[in-house]
Amino acid sequence: MNHNSKFKTCLPPSKIQNSKLGFTLIELLVVISILGLLAGLVISNVAGVRERARDAQRKSDLKEIQNALEMYKHDQNSPSYPIINDVWGDLTTVLSSGYMKSVPNDPLPTQTYHYSAVAATPLHYTLWVCLENASDPQKDTVAVNPCTTSFLRSEP
């Protein structure tokens, strides 16, 4: 018995010569294009998740700031909110003096929160932030300047 005979295939020699030993170019291109499409979908979805997470953090921060503003108002001899016109550092100074352990900042260093209260109406303020997700269901119907999409909270 020949030692190599046990490793021979059952196919006739003509079939062995015509068999394919790899993938065709078209098969490879189809697989690569499908993988590229899936990768594109995953990457675009992940970017949207980050935007929505930062927007959720912004909304939560505004709620905390709103609670601190209420505590500030109740501590005043004549109930009123801090009279500041959109200078975030000034509001941070007021709230960090016993109303908040640390006043939150926007998750992105290029953006800031906005606050406005004027002396003519000391019982009213406006607190707003620019959102990244333009399709946010809680966005304002008309964006507050300088935002393209904003989220606004006012005195309750």
C-alpha atoms as a PDB file:
ATOM      1  CA  MET A   1       0.000   0.000   0.000  1.00  0.00           C
ATOM      2  CA  ASN A   2       1.275   3.417  -0.958  1.00  0.00           C
ATOM      3  CA  HIS A   3       1.815   5.692   2.064  1.00  0.00           C
ATOM      4  CA  ASN A   4       0.397   8.759   0.257  1.00  0.00           C
ATOM      5  CA  SER A   5      -2.742   6.982  -0.964  1.00  0.00           C
ATOM      6  CA  LYS A   6      -4.691   7.525   2.237  1.00  0.00           C
ATOM      7  CA  PHE A   7      -4.472  11.328   1.729  1.00  0.00           C
ATOM      8  CA  LYS A   8      -5.905  11.348  -1.769  1.00  0.00           C
ATOM      9  CA  THR A   9      -9.326  12.808  -2.363  1.00  0.00           C
ATOM     10  CA  CYS A  10     -12.258  11.000  -3.843  1.00  0.00           C
ATOM     11  CA  LEU A  11     -12.609  13.556  -6.652  1.00  0.00           C
ATOM     12  CA  PRO A  12     -11.421  12.641 -10.095  1.00  0.00           C
ATOM     13  CA  PRO A  13      -8.330  14.561 -11.290  1.00  0.00           C
ATOM     14  CA  SER A  14     -10.364  16.753 -13.691  1.00  0.00           C
ATOM     15  CA  LYS A  15     -12.500  18.096 -10.789  1.00  0.00           C
ATOM     16  CA  ILE A  16      -9.470  18.886  -8.634  1.00  0.00           C
ATOM     17  CA  GLN A  17      -7.954  21.068 -11.324  1.00  0.00           C
ATOM     18  CA  ASN A  18     -11.213  23.056 -11.849  1.00  0.00           C
ATOM     19  CA  SER A  19     -12.039  23.631  -8.143  1.00  0.00           C
ATOM     20  CA  LYS A  20     -11.771  27.161  -6.655  1.00  0.00           C
ATOM     21  CA  LEU A  21      -9.329  27.670  -3.828  1.00  0.00           C
ATOM     22  CA  GLY A  22     -10.337  31.245  -2.796  1.00  0.00           C
ATOM     23  CA  PHE A  23     -12.881  34.027  -3.102  1.00  0.00           C
ATOM     24  CA  THR A  24     -13.569  35.932  -6.268  1.00  0.00           C
ATOM     25  CA  LEU A  25     -12.982  39.654  -6.470  1.00  0.00           C
ATOM     26  CA  ILE A  26     -16.741  40.335  -6.563  1.00  0.00           C
ATOM     27  CA  GLU A  27     -17.348  38.284  -3.410  1.00  0.00           C
ATOM     28  CA  LEU A  28     -14.617  40.190  -1.592  1.00  0.00           C
ATOM     29  CA  LEU A  29     -15.981  43.568  -2.734  1.00  0.00           C
ATOM     30  CA  VAL A  30     -19.500  42.674  -1.593  1.00  0.00           C
ATOM     31  CA  VAL A  31     -18.290  41.647   1.860  1.00  0.00           C
ATOM     32  CA  ILE A  32     -16.088  44.752   2.220  1.00  0.00           C
ATOM     33  CA  SER A  33     -18.919  47.072   1.181  1.00  0.00           C
ATOM     34  CA  ILE A  34     -21.334  45.452   3.655  1.00  0.00           C
ATOM     35  CA  LEU A  35     -18.769  45.791   6.466  1.00  0.00           C
ATOM     36  CA  GLY A  36     -18.152  49.432   5.525  1.00  0.00           C
ATOM     37  CA  LEU A  37     -21.863  50.175   5.577  1.00  0.00           C
ATOM     38  CA  LEU A  38     -22.278  48.571   9.012  1.00  0.00           C
ATOM     39  CA  ALA A  39     -19.252  50.447  10.388  1.00  0.00           C
ATOM     40  CA  GLY A  40     -20.663  53.741   9.113  1.00  0.00           C
ATOM     41  CA  LEU A  41     -24.000  53.113  10.803  1.00  0.00           C
ATOM     42  CA  VAL A  42     -22.377  52.220  14.115  1.00  0.00           C
ATOM     43  CA  ILE A  43     -20.066  55.257  14.116  1.00  0.00           C
ATOM     44  CA  SER A  44     -22.835  57.718  13.278  1.00  0.00           C
ATOM     45  CA  ASN A  45     -25.065  56.222  15.972  1.00  0.00           C
ATOM     46  CA  VAL A  46     -22.326  56.464  18.614  1.00  0.00           C
ATOM     47  CA  ALA A  47     -21.780  60.162  17.832  1.00  0.00           C
ATOM     48  CA  GLY A  48     -25.495  60.820  18.341  1.00  0.00           C
ATOM     49  CA  VAL A  49     -25.445  59.011  21.676  1.00  0.00           C
ATOM     50  CA  ARG A  50     -22.678  61.288  22.960  1.00  0.00           C
ATOM     51  CA  GLU A  51     -24.588  64.412  21.914  1.00  0.00           C
ATOM     52  CA  ARG A  52     -27.758  63.190  23.609  1.00  0.00           C
ATOM     53  CA  ALA A  53     -25.823  62.292  26.772  1.00  0.00           C
ATOM     54  CA  ARG A  54     -24.265  65.774  26.963  1.00  0.00           C
ATOM     55  CA  ASP A  55     -27.686  67.351  26.389  1.00  0.00           C
ATOM     56  CA  ALA A  56     -29.177  65.239  29.185  1.00  0.00           C
ATOM     57  CA  GLN A  57     -26.349  66.401  31.472  1.00  0.00           C
ATOM     58  CA  ARG A  58     -27.067  70.025  30.536  1.00  0.00           C
ATOM     59  CA  LYS A  59     -30.773  69.662  31.382  1.00  0.00           C
ATOM     60  CA  SER A  60     -29.944  68.026  34.698  1.00  0.00           C
ATOM     61  CA  ASP A  61     -27.463  70.808  35.513  1.00  0.00           C
ATOM     62  CA  LEU A  62     -30.065  73.489  34.777  1.00  0.00           C
ATOM     63  CA  LYS A  63     -32.517  71.771  37.127  1.00  0.00           C
ATOM     64  CA  GLU A  64     -29.899  71.752  39.912  1.00  0.00           C
ATOM     65  CA  ILE A  65     -29.116  75.418  39.297  1.00  0.00           C
ATOM     66  CA  GLN A  66     -32.817  76.207  39.332  1.00  0.00           C
ATOM     67  CA  ASN A  67     -33.153  74.539  42.745  1.00  0.00           C
ATOM     68  CA  ALA A  68     -30.211  76.559  44.062  1.00  0.00           C
ATOM     69  CA  LEU A  69     -31.785  79.769  42.722  1.00  0.00           C
ATOM     70  CA  GLU A  70     -34.976  78.969  44.623  1.00  0.00           C
ATOM     71  CA  MET A  71     -32.988  78.522  47.850  1.00  0.00           C
ATOM     72  CA  TYR A  72     -31.235  81.840  47.192  1.00  0.00           C
ATOM     73  CA  LYS A  73     -34.559  83.610  46.639  1.00  0.00           C
ATOM     74  CA  HIS A  74     -36.014  82.290  49.900  1.00  0.00           C
ATOM     75  CA  ASP A  75     -32.955  83.420  51.873  1.00  0.00           C
ATOM     76  CA  GLN A  76     -33.289  87.061  50.783  1.00  0.00           C
ATOM     77  CA  ASN A  77     -35.036  89.664  52.995  1.00  0.00           C
ATOM     78  CA  SER A  78     -37.046  90.706  49.982  1.00  0.00           C
ATOM     79  CA  PRO A  79     -37.443  87.566  47.838  1.00  0.00           C
ATOM     80  CA  SER A  80     -35.575  87.985  44.568  1.00  0.00           C
ATOM     81  CA  TYR A  81     -33.145  86.220  42.293  1.00  0.00           C
ATOM     82  CA  PRO A  82     -29.574  87.395  41.693  1.00  0.00           C
ATOM     83  CA  ILE A  83     -29.587  90.368  39.307  1.00  0.00           C
ATOM     84  CA  ILE A  84     -27.034  89.319  36.689  1.00  0.00           C
ATOM     85  CA  ASN A  85     -27.172  89.701  32.948  1.00  0.00           C
ATOM     86  CA  ASP A  86     -25.572  86.636  31.323  1.00  0.00           C
ATOM     87  CA  VAL A  87     -22.243  86.650  33.171  1.00  0.00           C
ATOM     88  CA  TRP A  88     -21.900  83.022  34.177  1.00  0.00           C
ATOM     89  CA  GLY A  89     -18.938  83.640  36.480  1.00  0.00           C
ATOM     90  CA  ASP A  90     -20.985  86.127  38.547  1.00  0.00           C
ATOM     91  CA  LEU A  91     -23.791  83.610  39.031  1.00  0.00           C
ATOM     92  CA  THR A  92     -21.248  80.917  39.899  1.00  0.00           C
ATOM     93  CA  THR A  93     -19.860  83.174  42.640  1.00  0.00           C
ATOM     94  CA  VAL A  94     -23.325  83.790  44.103  1.00  0.00           C
ATOM     95  CA  LEU A  95     -24.458  80.132  44.042  1.00  0.00           C
ATOM     96  CA  SER A  96     -21.193  78.636  45.307  1.00  0.00           C
ATOM     97  CA  SER A  97     -21.449  80.735  48.483  1.00  0.00           C
ATOM     98  CA  GLY A  98     -23.602  78.127  50.241  1.00  0.00           C
ATOM     99  CA  TYR A  99     -26.261  77.133  47.712  1.00  0.00           C
ATOM    100  CA  MET A 100     -24.271  74.630  45.652  1.00  0.00           C
ATOM    101  CA  LYS A 101     -21.115  72.743  46.503  1.00  0.00           C
ATOM    102  CA  SER A 102     -19.871  73.375  42.975  1.00  0.00           C
ATOM    103  CA  VAL A 103     -21.736  75.082  40.171  1.00  0.00           C
ATOM    104  CA  PRO A 104     -21.717  72.867  37.073  1.00  0.00           C
ATOM    105  CA  ASN A 105     -20.323  73.984  33.745  1.00  0.00           C
ATOM    106  CA  ASP A 106     -21.270  72.850  30.265  1.00  0.00           C
ATOM    107  CA  PRO A 107     -19.801  69.427  29.357  1.00  0.00           C
ATOM    108  CA  LEU A 108     -18.024  71.027  26.392  1.00  0.00           C
ATOM    109  CA  PRO A 109     -15.409  73.665  27.233  1.00  0.00           C
ATOM    110  CA  THR A 110     -16.434  75.702  24.172  1.00  0.00           C
ATOM    111  CA  GLN A 111     -19.978  76.276  25.468  1.00  0.00           C
ATOM    112  CA  THR A 112     -21.436  77.859  28.574  1.00  0.00           C
ATOM    113  CA  TYR A 113     -24.712  78.123  30.425  1.00  0.00           C
ATOM    114  CA  HIS A 114     -26.601  81.420  30.335  1.00  0.00           C
ATOM    115  CA  TYR A 115     -28.521  83.268  33.057  1.00  0.00           C
ATOM    116  CA  SER A 116     -30.343  86.560  32.967  1.00  0.00           C
ATOM    117  CA  ALA A 117     -32.346  88.467  35.580  1.00  0.00           C
ATOM    118  CA  VAL A 118     -32.989  92.182  35.590  1.00  0.00           C
ATOM    119  CA  ALA A 119     -33.807  94.570  38.425  1.00  0.00           C
ATOM    120  CA  ALA A 120     -37.144  95.559  36.877  1.00  0.00           C
ATOM    121  CA  THR A 121     -38.476  92.021  37.467  1.00  0.00           C
ATOM    122  CA  PRO A 122     -36.565  90.563  40.459  1.00  0.00           C
ATOM    123  CA  LEU A 123     -38.902  87.573  40.703  1.00  0.00           C
ATOM    124  CA  HIS A 124     -38.185  86.372  37.186  1.00  0.00           C
ATOM    125  CA  TYR A 125     -35.083  84.921  35.563  1.00  0.00           C
ATOM    126  CA  THR A 126     -34.148  83.039  32.437  1.00  0.00           C
ATOM    127  CA  LEU A 127     -31.678  80.171  32.403  1.00  0.00           C
ATOM    128  CA  TRP A 128     -30.759  78.550  29.102  1.00  0.00           C
ATOM    129  CA  VAL A 129     -28.239  76.366  27.339  1.00  0.00           C
ATOM    130  CA  CYS A 130     -27.386  75.507  23.745  1.00  0.00           C
ATOM    131  CA  LEU A 131     -28.182  71.897  22.794  1.00  0.00           C
ATOM    132  CA  GLU A 132     -26.240  69.796  20.313  1.00  0.00           C
ATOM    133  CA  ASN A 133     -29.086  67.502  19.288  1.00  0.00           C
ATOM    134  CA  ALA A 134     -31.309  69.542  16.955  1.00  0.00           C
ATOM    135  CA  SER A 135     -34.063  66.908  17.137  1.00  0.00           C
ATOM    136  CA  ASP A 136     -34.343  66.980  20.948  1.00  0.00           C
ATOM    137  CA  PRO A 137     -38.043  66.694  21.891  1.00  0.00           C
ATOM    138  CA  GLN A 138     -37.627  69.235  24.727  1.00  0.00           C
ATOM    139  CA  LYS A 139     -35.912  71.921  22.651  1.00  0.00           C
ATOM    140  CA  ASP A 140     -37.362  75.416  22.472  1.00  0.00           C
ATOM    141  CA  THR A 141     -39.607  76.191  19.541  1.00  0.00           C
ATOM    142  CA  VAL A 142     -37.576  79.341  18.871  1.00  0.00           C
ATOM    143  CA  ALA A 143     -33.880  79.132  19.694  1.00  0.00           C
ATOM    144  CA  VAL A 144     -32.428  81.650  22.136  1.00  0.00           C
ATOM    145  CA  ASN A 145     -29.492  83.652  20.796  1.00  0.00           C
ATOM    146  CA  PRO A 146     -26.640  82.534  20.266  1.00  0.00           C
ATOM    147  CA  CYS A 147     -27.956  78.959  20.015  1.00  0.00           C
ATOM    148  CA  THR A 148     -29.307  77.174  16.980  1.00  0.00           C
ATOM    149  CA  THR A 149     -31.095  74.740  19.324  1.00  0.00           C
ATOM    150  CA  SER A 150     -31.709  75.729  22.944  1.00  0.00           C
ATOM    151  CA  PHE A 151     -33.304  74.544  26.178  1.00  0.00           C
ATOM    152  CA  LEU A 152     -34.770  77.245  28.408  1.00  0.00           C
ATOM    153  CA  ARG A 153     -35.855  77.255  32.055  1.00  0.00           C
ATOM    154  CA  SER A 154     -37.587  80.165  33.705  1.00  0.00           C
ATOM    155  CA  GLU A 155     -38.673  81.023  37.208  1.00  0.00           C
ATOM    156  CA  PRO A 156     -41.204  78.350  38.198  1.00  0.00           C
END
